[in-house]
Amino acid sequence: MVQTITLEQLVEQVRTGLVGVHADSRKVQPGDLFVAVPGTSADGGAYIADALQRGAAYVVCRAASLPKSGTGAHFVVEEDPRATLGYLAGVRFNTLKLPFPVVGVTGTNGKTTVTYLLEHLFNAAGRRAGVIGTVSYRWPGGEQEAKMTTPDCLKVHALLARMAAAQVDAAFMEVSSHALDQNRTAGVEYGGAILTNLTQDHLDYHGDMETYFAAKARLFTQVPRLDKPAVINVDDPYGRRLLPMVPGGLGFTLHDVAVDGCRVLRGEVLACTVDGLHLRMNLDGEHWEITSPMVGYHNASNLLAVQGMARCLGLSAEQMRGLEHFNGVPGRLERVPNGRGVHAFVDYAHTPDALDNVLGALRKVGFARIITVFGCGGDRDRRKRPLMGEAVARLSDVAVLTSDNPRTEDPVSILEDVKPGLAACPRVLTEPDRRTAIGLAVAEARPGDCILVAGKGHEDYQVIGTEKISFSDQAVLREMLG
């Protein structure tokens, strides 16, 4: 007969710190707890036998996954093992109640830039900040390379515990739609949430835009606390839908958008040049201005999002001046200096909207020509490929079509999917090898031209087949530009 105990009894065992908590059976040690989490491709219930063989003393699973006979381990039956894992992770790492707010940042584009800006602004105000995001996980005195935008539930709680030990005043966390849909943030009591925008991406996973929107909206409408500060882009149609659903939410706009019954932070772009941005803000009748070396209207929107959340968390209008010394994020319109008179940038833009934003920003600056090197990822949404080509064709003088991360797809087939969108581009070069393609762009460029290498940003690898191969757009550009 299977031995069962209550969740309360299990919590007392986890609280001692002597019982390890795992959702991966391969990590189980004798005496540990295994949580059989339902997965997108495999059910954790299938790995209970492996966890028991490795010495698991406790198992959390759904009733359907209970073994047919006794095993010596104690079982806790929970219909939502994901949520239970979050609660147990909070108990294990003492993160259910934190002495600082965790601000979740979600949206198709801008999440990384917003978390970097918030970190910089809080540091400039004399406060300590932690970040969990695409580039790295970091806190005062520590940093780890990021394996994914939003790590698994146990890793999230372990990182928040490190930040608590480092006495941070706030943590800023990129929250992907996948993480929200899979409840990888279970047990985290967010103290703030930001929506940057919502455009077509990840439809290979979500299926359609409404499902994608519903996943993002969970951060605002379902994840505790529901009274947390929420800052939402109302220049985005999905943001305009979301704001009235969030009591006490704050909208932000560059285009004087009003939402009935809702507070809105209004921003005005006074200047957008090669030297950066000059913005004027208005919130509840209070006005202030900042300048920023960041380029483009999309960054003006990011700056508004950051200021909206910072004001909600108690920073003053005067303290917004701390943003004036932030020079940018690795792989986000990152400039590659050279002596040829060519303006070279690397950017993470890998969606149609992101390409529109970054190329629109560069087009407004007034370069002689824009040469764009880009590709599309393999094993991902094929429907966005021609749309990415259209974005590049609209705003580039020369397109160099190449591979991004082809993964297990044929690189040439991916390029063929993109090509219909490039029909209106004045000049198109096609080269599947990314290094050679960057070389073609450099050979094409003349003084006064701008080269944008898009798609990979901070990533220092390519995924070809199932292998991760060392590759850096920045390093290749530096080498070829001398």
Protein backbone atom coordinates (compact mmCIF):
# COMPACT_ATOMS: atom_id res chain seq x y z
CA MET A 1 0.00 0.00 0.00
CA VAL A 2 1.26 3.50 -0.90
CA GLN A 3 2.08 5.61 2.15
CA THR A 4 0.65 9.15 2.01
CA ILE A 5 1.21 12.20 4.21
CA THR A 6 -0.27 15.68 4.19
CA LEU A 7 1.37 18.67 2.57
CA GLU A 8 1.70 20.24 6.02
CA GLN A 9 3.71 17.26 7.23
CA LEU A 10 5.95 17.46 4.18
CA VAL A 11 6.48 21.20 4.68
CA GLU A 12 7.87 20.54 8.16
CA GLN A 13 10.44 18.17 6.65
CA VAL A 14 11.44 20.66 3.93
CA ARG A 15 11.67 23.50 6.45
CA THR A 16 14.49 21.72 8.29
CA GLY A 17 16.72 22.12 5.24
CA LEU A 18 17.73 18.45 5.43
CA VAL A 19 15.46 17.42 2.56
CA GLY A 20 16.52 18.47 -0.92
CA VAL A 21 13.73 19.53 -3.30
CA HIS A 22 13.98 18.48 -6.96
CA ALA A 23 11.83 18.42 -10.09
CA ASP A 24 14.56 16.55 -12.02
CA SER A 25 14.80 12.90 -10.91
CA ARG A 26 18.48 12.77 -11.93
CA LYS A 27 19.35 15.22 -9.13
CA VAL A 28 17.66 13.23 -6.36
CA GLN A 29 19.82 12.04 -3.46
CA PRO A 30 18.78 9.57 -0.73
CA GLY A 31 16.22 11.20 1.56
CA ASP A 32 15.23 13.93 -0.92
CA LEU A 33 11.85 15.09 -2.24
CA PHE A 34 10.88 14.65 -5.89
CA VAL A 35 8.05 16.77 -7.33
CA ALA A 36 6.57 15.13 -10.44
CA VAL A 37 5.74 18.23 -12.45
CA PRO A 38 3.62 17.85 -15.61
CA GLY A 39 5.76 19.08 -18.51
CA THR A 40 5.09 20.36 -22.02
CA SER A 41 6.71 17.32 -23.62
CA ALA A 42 6.86 14.77 -20.76
CA ASP A 43 5.01 14.18 -17.49
CA GLY A 44 7.16 14.11 -14.37
CA GLY A 45 5.05 11.18 -13.20
CA ALA A 46 6.97 9.03 -15.67
CA TYR A 47 10.16 9.65 -13.66
CA ILE A 48 8.87 8.71 -10.21
CA ALA A 49 10.41 5.22 -10.49
CA ASP A 50 13.80 6.74 -11.31
CA ALA A 51 13.55 9.14 -8.35
CA LEU A 52 12.64 6.25 -6.03
CA GLN A 53 15.54 4.19 -7.31
CA ARG A 54 17.85 7.08 -6.43
CA GLY A 55 16.52 7.15 -2.89
CA ALA A 56 13.69 9.69 -2.86
CA ALA A 57 11.97 9.62 0.53
CA TYR A 58 9.10 11.92 -0.50
CA VAL A 59 7.17 12.38 -3.76
CA VAL A 60 4.57 14.99 -4.74
CA CYS A 61 2.42 13.94 -7.69
CA ARG A 62 -1.07 13.86 -9.11
CA ALA A 63 -3.34 10.98 -8.09
CA ALA A 64 -3.03 9.42 -11.55
CA SER A 65 0.74 9.07 -11.07
CA LEU A 66 0.62 7.16 -7.77
CA PRO A 67 2.39 3.77 -7.93
CA LYS A 68 0.23 0.65 -7.77
CA SER A 69 2.02 -0.69 -4.68
CA GLY A 70 4.04 0.52 -1.70
CA THR A 71 7.57 1.79 -2.21
CA GLY A 72 8.90 2.90 1.18
CA ALA A 73 8.57 6.56 0.20
CA HIS A 74 5.88 8.94 1.43
CA PHE A 75 3.58 10.48 -1.18
CA VAL A 76 1.66 13.76 -1.19
CA VAL A 77 -1.16 13.93 -3.73
CA GLU A 78 -1.65 17.38 -5.28
CA GLU A 79 -3.70 18.21 -8.36
CA ASP A 80 -1.34 21.07 -9.27
CA PRO A 81 2.24 19.90 -8.58
CA ARG A 82 3.62 23.03 -10.31
CA ALA A 83 2.03 25.34 -7.74
CA THR A 84 3.08 22.99 -4.94
CA LEU A 85 6.67 23.06 -6.20
CA GLY A 86 6.63 26.88 -6.00
CA TYR A 87 5.31 26.78 -2.44
CA LEU A 88 7.88 24.16 -1.36
CA ALA A 89 10.68 26.08 -3.10
CA GLY A 90 9.63 29.15 -1.13
CA VAL A 91 9.75 27.11 2.09
CA ARG A 92 13.12 25.58 1.20
CA PHE A 93 14.77 28.91 0.35
CA ASN A 94 12.74 31.10 2.73
CA THR A 95 11.49 33.24 -0.16
CA LEU A 96 7.70 33.12 0.29
CA LYS A 97 7.91 36.55 1.96
CA LEU A 98 10.78 38.78 0.87
CA PRO A 99 11.96 42.05 2.40
CA PHE A 100 12.15 43.65 -1.06
CA PRO A 101 9.82 43.92 -4.09
CA VAL A 102 10.32 41.59 -7.06
CA VAL A 103 9.27 43.42 -10.23
CA GLY A 104 8.29 41.18 -13.14
CA VAL A 105 8.86 42.62 -16.63
CA THR A 106 7.03 40.95 -19.50
CA GLY A 107 6.39 41.78 -23.16
CA THR A 108 7.62 40.71 -26.57
CA ASN A 109 10.42 43.29 -26.78
CA GLY A 110 12.26 45.50 -24.32
CA LYS A 111 12.34 43.25 -21.25
CA THR A 112 16.14 43.14 -21.01
CA THR A 113 16.58 46.86 -21.60
CA VAL A 114 13.96 47.70 -18.97
CA THR A 115 15.56 45.49 -16.30
CA TYR A 116 19.01 46.99 -17.02
CA LEU A 117 17.59 50.50 -16.84
CA LEU A 118 15.82 49.78 -13.54
CA GLU A 119 19.00 48.29 -12.09
CA HIS A 120 21.01 51.35 -13.19
CA LEU A 121 18.42 53.81 -11.89
CA PHE A 122 18.17 52.16 -8.47
CA ASN A 123 21.95 51.96 -8.18
CA ALA A 124 22.20 55.64 -9.10
CA ALA A 125 19.70 56.37 -6.31
CA GLY A 126 21.95 54.57 -3.83
CA ARG A 127 19.86 51.39 -3.69
CA ARG A 128 20.97 47.79 -4.23
CA ALA A 129 19.38 45.85 -7.08
CA GLY A 130 19.27 42.27 -8.36
CA VAL A 131 18.38 41.13 -11.90
CA ILE A 132 17.13 37.84 -13.33
CA GLY A 133 17.13 38.06 -17.11
CA THR A 134 18.24 36.99 -20.56
CA VAL A 135 21.86 38.13 -20.31
CA SER A 136 22.71 37.14 -16.73
CA TYR A 137 21.48 36.66 -13.17
CA ARG A 138 23.25 39.18 -10.93
CA TRP A 139 23.17 40.84 -7.53
CA PRO A 140 25.70 42.84 -5.46
CA GLY A 141 28.74 40.59 -5.17
CA GLY A 142 27.53 37.85 -7.52
CA GLU A 143 26.70 37.03 -11.14
CA GLN A 144 25.80 33.90 -13.12
CA GLU A 145 25.41 33.35 -16.86
CA ALA A 146 21.75 33.06 -17.83
CA LYS A 147 20.67 29.76 -19.36
CA MET A 148 17.18 31.03 -20.19
CA THR A 149 15.21 34.26 -19.81
CA THR A 150 13.19 32.96 -16.85
CA PRO A 151 14.85 29.97 -15.15
CA ASP A 152 13.00 27.04 -13.59
CA CYS A 153 11.05 27.49 -10.38
CA LEU A 154 13.72 26.14 -8.00
CA LYS A 155 16.43 28.27 -9.62
CA VAL A 156 14.27 31.41 -9.34
CA HIS A 157 13.83 30.89 -5.60
CA ALA A 158 17.51 30.04 -5.11
CA LEU A 159 18.48 33.29 -6.87
CA LEU A 160 16.03 35.35 -4.82
CA ALA A 161 17.53 33.83 -1.66
CA ARG A 162 21.01 34.95 -2.82
CA MET A 163 19.63 38.44 -3.41
CA ALA A 164 18.02 38.52 0.03
CA ALA A 165 21.37 37.55 1.56
CA ALA A 166 22.98 40.40 -0.42
CA GLN A 167 20.36 42.78 1.07
CA VAL A 168 19.02 44.10 -2.22
CA ASP A 169 16.36 46.80 -2.14
CA ALA A 170 14.59 45.47 -5.25
CA ALA A 171 14.87 42.67 -7.80
CA PHE A 172 13.96 43.05 -11.47
CA MET A 173 13.01 39.90 -13.35
CA GLU A 174 12.28 39.21 -17.00
CA VAL A 175 9.20 36.99 -17.14
CA SER A 176 8.59 35.15 -20.41
CA SER A 177 5.19 33.99 -21.65
CA HIS A 178 6.47 30.40 -21.53
CA ALA A 179 7.37 30.83 -17.84
CA LEU A 180 3.93 32.25 -17.05
CA ASP A 181 2.13 29.52 -18.98
CA GLN A 182 4.23 26.81 -17.28
CA ASN A 183 3.99 28.51 -13.86
CA ARG A 184 7.78 28.56 -13.48
CA THR A 185 7.35 31.61 -11.25
CA ALA A 186 5.12 29.76 -8.75
CA GLY A 187 5.61 30.92 -5.18
CA VAL A 188 7.03 34.34 -6.13
CA GLU A 189 5.00 37.18 -4.60
CA TYR A 190 5.61 39.91 -7.15
CA GLY A 191 5.74 43.47 -5.85
CA GLY A 192 5.39 45.05 -9.30
CA ALA A 193 4.73 44.19 -12.96
CA ILE A 194 5.47 45.90 -16.30
CA LEU A 195 4.10 45.21 -19.79
CA THR A 196 6.38 46.67 -22.49
CA ASN A 197 4.39 45.62 -25.60
CA LEU A 198 2.88 42.59 -27.30
CA THR A 199 3.61 41.68 -30.92
CA GLN A 200 3.77 38.44 -32.89
CA ASP A 201 6.21 35.94 -31.39
CA HIS A 202 6.16 32.44 -29.90
CA LEU A 203 3.02 31.47 -31.84
CA ASP A 204 4.66 28.09 -32.45
CA TYR A 205 4.09 27.58 -28.71
CA HIS A 206 0.93 29.60 -27.96
CA GLY A 207 -0.90 29.03 -31.27
CA ASP A 208 -2.50 32.47 -31.61
CA MET A 209 -2.21 36.03 -30.28
CA GLU A 210 -5.14 35.74 -27.87
CA THR A 211 -3.53 32.79 -26.09
CA TYR A 212 -0.20 34.64 -26.06
CA PHE A 213 -1.90 37.71 -24.55
CA ALA A 214 -3.66 35.58 -21.94
CA ALA A 215 -0.31 34.13 -20.85
CA LYS A 216 1.23 37.60 -20.44
CA ALA A 217 -1.86 38.94 -18.66
CA ARG A 218 -1.49 36.30 -15.93
CA LEU A 219 1.36 38.33 -14.40
CA PHE A 220 -1.13 41.17 -13.78
CA THR A 221 -4.44 39.44 -13.17
CA GLN A 222 -3.65 36.07 -11.53
CA VAL A 223 -0.18 36.13 -9.94
CA PRO A 224 -0.24 37.39 -6.31
CA ARG A 225 -0.25 40.07 -5.11
CA LEU A 226 -3.10 41.48 -7.12
CA ASP A 227 -2.61 44.91 -5.51
CA LYS A 228 0.98 45.24 -6.79
CA PRO A 229 1.98 48.30 -8.85
CA ALA A 230 1.34 47.57 -12.54
CA VAL A 231 2.83 49.72 -15.32
CA ILE A 232 1.40 49.07 -18.79
CA ASN A 233 2.15 50.41 -22.28
CA VAL A 234 -1.13 51.89 -23.57
CA ASP A 235 0.41 52.80 -26.93
CA ASP A 236 0.07 49.04 -27.51
CA PRO A 237 -3.50 47.82 -28.24
CA TYR A 238 -3.09 44.83 -25.91
CA GLY A 239 -1.88 47.20 -23.20
CA ARG A 240 -5.01 49.33 -23.65
CA ARG A 241 -7.08 46.17 -23.13
CA LEU A 242 -5.09 45.11 -20.09
CA LEU A 243 -4.93 48.37 -18.10
CA PRO A 244 -8.67 48.52 -17.17
CA MET A 245 -8.38 44.90 -15.97
CA VAL A 246 -5.78 45.90 -13.35
CA PRO A 247 -7.13 47.97 -10.43
CA GLY A 248 -4.80 50.87 -9.71
CA GLY A 249 -2.62 50.21 -12.76
CA LEU A 250 -0.56 52.99 -14.35
CA GLY A 251 -0.45 53.36 -18.13
CA PHE A 252 2.34 55.04 -20.07
CA THR A 253 2.21 56.66 -23.51
CA LEU A 254 4.31 58.59 -25.99
CA HIS A 255 1.23 59.40 -28.11
CA ASP A 256 -1.10 61.04 -25.57
CA VAL A 257 -3.33 57.98 -25.32
CA ALA A 258 -6.06 58.19 -22.66
CA VAL A 259 -7.78 55.21 -21.01
CA ASP A 260 -11.05 55.97 -19.23
CA GLY A 261 -10.73 55.92 -15.46
CA CYS A 262 -7.00 55.10 -15.47
CA ARG A 263 -3.88 57.07 -14.53
CA VAL A 264 -1.40 57.52 -17.38
CA LEU A 265 2.22 58.70 -17.42
CA ARG A 266 2.64 60.86 -20.53
CA GLY A 267 5.96 61.26 -22.30
CA GLU A 268 6.90 63.67 -25.07
CA VAL A 269 9.96 63.19 -27.29
CA LEU A 270 11.58 66.62 -27.56
CA ALA A 271 14.54 65.29 -29.55
CA CYS A 272 15.58 61.95 -31.09
CA THR A 273 19.00 62.18 -32.76
CA VAL A 274 22.28 60.30 -33.17
CA ASP A 275 23.21 61.77 -29.77
CA GLY A 276 20.18 60.21 -28.05
CA LEU A 277 16.85 61.27 -26.59
CA HIS A 278 15.38 64.27 -24.79
CA LEU A 279 12.10 63.48 -23.03
CA ARG A 280 9.52 65.43 -21.06
CA MET A 281 7.23 63.55 -18.65
CA ASN A 282 3.88 64.42 -17.04
CA LEU A 283 2.36 62.35 -14.23
CA ASP A 284 -0.62 63.65 -12.25
CA GLY A 285 0.32 67.23 -13.14
CA GLU A 286 4.01 66.86 -12.14
CA HIS A 287 6.48 67.57 -14.95
CA TRP A 288 10.16 66.65 -15.38
CA GLU A 289 12.67 66.15 -18.20
CA ILE A 290 15.60 63.82 -18.87
CA THR A 291 18.13 63.29 -21.64
CA SER A 292 19.51 59.87 -22.55
CA PRO A 293 22.30 58.63 -24.85
CA MET A 294 19.97 55.81 -25.96
CA VAL A 295 18.69 56.00 -29.54
CA GLY A 296 15.19 55.58 -30.92
CA TYR A 297 11.50 55.84 -30.04
CA HIS A 298 11.41 52.25 -28.79
CA ASN A 299 13.95 53.24 -26.15
CA ALA A 300 11.87 56.30 -25.31
CA SER A 301 9.04 53.85 -24.53
CA ASN A 302 11.40 51.70 -22.43
CA LEU A 303 12.48 54.79 -20.49
CA LEU A 304 8.84 55.66 -19.78
CA ALA A 305 8.13 52.15 -18.48
CA VAL A 306 11.09 52.36 -16.13
CA GLN A 307 10.14 55.79 -14.82
CA GLY A 308 6.55 54.69 -14.25
CA MET A 309 7.63 51.75 -12.09
CA ALA A 310 10.34 53.77 -10.30
CA ARG A 311 7.78 56.41 -9.32
CA CYS A 312 5.43 53.65 -8.07
CA LEU A 313 8.29 52.30 -5.94
CA GLY A 314 8.98 55.66 -4.35
CA LEU A 315 11.71 57.32 -6.41
CA SER A 316 11.28 61.04 -7.04
CA ALA A 317 11.11 62.93 -10.33
CA GLU A 318 14.55 64.37 -9.56
CA GLN A 319 15.99 60.87 -9.19
CA MET A 320 14.92 60.06 -12.78
CA ARG A 321 18.01 62.03 -13.82
CA GLY A 322 19.99 58.92 -12.92
CA LEU A 323 18.93 57.50 -16.30
CA GLU A 324 20.98 60.15 -18.12
CA HIS A 325 24.21 58.18 -17.66
CA PHE A 326 23.04 54.79 -18.89
CA ASN A 327 24.80 53.96 -22.16
CA GLY A 328 23.03 50.78 -23.21
CA VAL A 329 22.65 47.02 -22.85
CA PRO A 330 24.99 44.38 -24.31
CA GLY A 331 23.57 43.33 -27.67
CA ARG A 332 20.86 45.99 -27.71
CA LEU A 333 21.90 48.54 -30.34
CA GLU A 334 25.45 47.89 -29.15
CA ARG A 335 27.88 50.00 -31.14
CA VAL A 336 31.05 48.39 -32.54
CA PRO A 337 33.63 51.22 -32.90
CA ASN A 338 35.94 51.24 -35.90
CA GLY A 339 38.17 53.59 -37.89
CA ARG A 340 36.46 53.20 -41.27
CA GLY A 341 33.72 55.77 -40.77
CA VAL A 342 31.14 52.99 -40.80
CA HIS A 343 28.54 52.93 -38.01
CA ALA A 344 28.18 49.30 -36.89
CA PHE A 345 25.62 47.98 -34.39
CA VAL A 346 24.62 44.59 -32.99
CA ASP A 347 21.06 44.10 -31.80
CA TYR A 348 18.97 41.23 -30.48
CA ALA A 349 15.97 42.10 -32.70
CA HIS A 350 14.50 38.76 -33.79
CA THR A 351 10.83 39.59 -34.35
CA PRO A 352 9.14 41.73 -37.04
CA ASP A 353 8.21 44.41 -34.50
CA ALA A 354 11.70 44.50 -32.97
CA LEU A 355 13.25 44.91 -36.43
CA ASP A 356 10.77 47.68 -37.21
CA ASN A 357 11.71 49.45 -33.98
CA VAL A 358 15.47 49.23 -34.27
CA LEU A 359 15.61 49.96 -38.01
CA GLY A 360 13.13 52.82 -37.60
CA ALA A 361 15.37 54.28 -34.90
CA LEU A 362 18.44 54.03 -37.13
CA ARG A 363 16.58 55.42 -40.17
CA LYS A 364 15.57 58.56 -38.25
CA VAL A 365 19.20 59.26 -37.33
CA GLY A 366 20.10 59.94 -40.96
CA PHE A 367 22.82 57.47 -42.00
CA ALA A 368 23.75 57.40 -45.68
CA ARG A 369 22.55 53.80 -46.11
CA ILE A 370 21.44 51.01 -43.80
CA ILE A 371 22.81 47.50 -44.43
CA THR A 372 21.00 44.84 -42.39
CA VAL A 373 22.36 41.36 -41.72
CA PHE A 374 19.64 39.07 -40.34
CA GLY A 375 18.11 35.61 -40.34
CA CYS A 376 15.37 33.61 -38.64
CA GLY A 377 15.65 30.87 -36.05
CA GLY A 378 14.97 27.27 -36.99
CA ASP A 379 12.36 25.07 -35.29
CA ARG A 380 10.36 28.22 -34.49
CA ASP A 381 7.29 30.06 -35.83
CA ARG A 382 7.59 29.95 -39.65
CA ARG A 383 4.80 32.49 -40.08
CA LYS A 384 6.94 35.39 -38.87
CA ARG A 385 9.75 34.75 -41.37
CA PRO A 386 8.34 36.70 -44.37
CA LEU A 387 7.16 39.40 -41.93
CA MET A 388 10.73 39.84 -40.74
CA GLY A 389 11.82 40.13 -44.36
CA GLU A 390 9.18 42.81 -44.94
CA ALA A 391 10.42 44.81 -41.94
CA VAL A 392 13.99 44.71 -43.23
CA ALA A 393 12.90 45.58 -46.79
CA ARG A 394 10.90 48.62 -45.62
CA LEU A 395 13.76 50.22 -43.76
CA SER A 396 17.03 48.94 -45.27
CA ASP A 397 18.95 49.85 -48.42
CA VAL A 398 20.74 46.51 -48.48
CA ALA A 399 19.62 43.23 -46.87
CA VAL A 400 22.08 40.43 -46.22
CA LEU A 401 20.01 37.32 -45.51
CA THR A 402 21.81 34.64 -43.51
CA SER A 403 21.41 32.02 -40.79
CA ASP A 404 20.48 32.83 -37.20
CA ASN A 405 20.19 29.65 -35.09
CA PRO A 406 19.04 27.13 -37.73
CA ARG A 407 18.86 24.34 -35.11
CA THR A 408 17.64 21.16 -36.80
CA GLU A 409 16.12 22.86 -39.87
CA ASP A 410 17.87 23.15 -43.22
CA PRO A 411 19.35 26.72 -43.26
CA VAL A 412 18.57 27.19 -46.96
CA SER A 413 14.91 26.28 -46.40
CA ILE A 414 14.65 28.95 -43.70
CA LEU A 415 16.08 31.56 -46.08
CA GLU A 416 13.53 30.55 -48.71
CA ASP A 417 10.73 31.20 -46.20
CA VAL A 418 12.08 34.74 -45.61
CA LYS A 419 12.68 35.72 -49.24
CA PRO A 420 9.07 36.61 -50.21
CA GLY A 421 9.15 39.37 -47.61
CA LEU A 422 12.29 40.89 -49.17
CA ALA A 423 10.74 41.41 -52.60
CA ALA A 424 10.65 45.22 -52.21
CA CYS A 425 14.23 45.58 -50.89
CA PRO A 426 16.50 47.55 -53.28
CA ARG A 427 19.39 45.07 -52.90
CA VAL A 428 19.43 41.59 -51.37
CA LEU A 429 22.46 39.39 -50.75
CA THR A 430 22.00 35.80 -49.57
CA GLU A 431 24.65 33.81 -47.72
CA PRO A 432 23.79 30.97 -45.28
CA ASP A 433 27.13 31.18 -43.45
CA ARG A 434 26.77 33.99 -40.89
CA ARG A 435 30.46 34.88 -40.73
CA THR A 436 30.70 35.18 -44.52
CA ALA A 437 27.45 37.20 -44.57
CA ILE A 438 28.87 39.74 -42.11
CA GLY A 439 31.93 39.97 -44.37
CA LEU A 440 29.65 40.78 -47.33
CA ALA A 441 28.05 43.61 -45.34
CA VAL A 442 31.45 45.05 -44.38
CA ALA A 443 32.63 44.88 -48.01
CA GLU A 444 29.44 46.65 -49.10
CA ALA A 445 29.68 49.47 -46.54
CA ARG A 446 31.07 52.93 -47.27
CA PRO A 447 31.84 55.78 -44.83
CA GLY A 448 28.60 57.18 -43.45
CA ASP A 449 26.74 53.87 -43.87
CA CYS A 450 25.26 51.90 -41.00
CA ILE A 451 25.58 48.13 -40.59
CA LEU A 452 23.06 46.43 -38.32
CA VAL A 453 23.70 42.78 -37.46
CA ALA A 454 20.39 41.64 -35.99
CA GLY A 455 18.99 38.61 -34.24
CA LYS A 456 21.57 37.35 -31.75
CA GLY A 457 22.57 40.37 -29.68
CA HIS A 458 24.44 39.28 -26.56
CA GLU A 459 24.52 35.60 -27.58
CA ASP A 460 28.03 34.29 -28.21
CA TYR A 461 27.02 31.09 -30.00
CA GLN A 462 25.04 29.63 -32.89
CA VAL A 463 22.88 26.52 -32.61
CA ILE A 464 23.46 24.43 -35.72
CA GLY A 465 21.79 21.02 -35.63
CA THR A 466 21.91 20.12 -31.96
CA GLU A 467 25.34 21.70 -31.36
CA LYS A 468 26.12 25.05 -29.75
CA ILE A 469 29.02 26.56 -31.70
CA SER A 470 31.01 29.53 -30.43
CA PHE A 471 30.09 32.63 -32.47
CA SER A 472 29.95 36.33 -31.62
CA ASP A 473 28.58 38.96 -34.03
CA GLN A 474 30.54 41.62 -32.14
CA ALA A 475 33.84 39.72 -32.41
CA VAL A 476 33.38 39.04 -36.13
CA LEU A 477 32.48 42.69 -36.81
CA ARG A 478 35.51 43.93 -34.83
CA GLU A 479 37.79 41.60 -36.75
CA MET A 480 36.42 42.49 -40.17
CA LEU A 481 36.26 46.23 -39.51
CA GLY A 482 39.81 46.18 -38.18
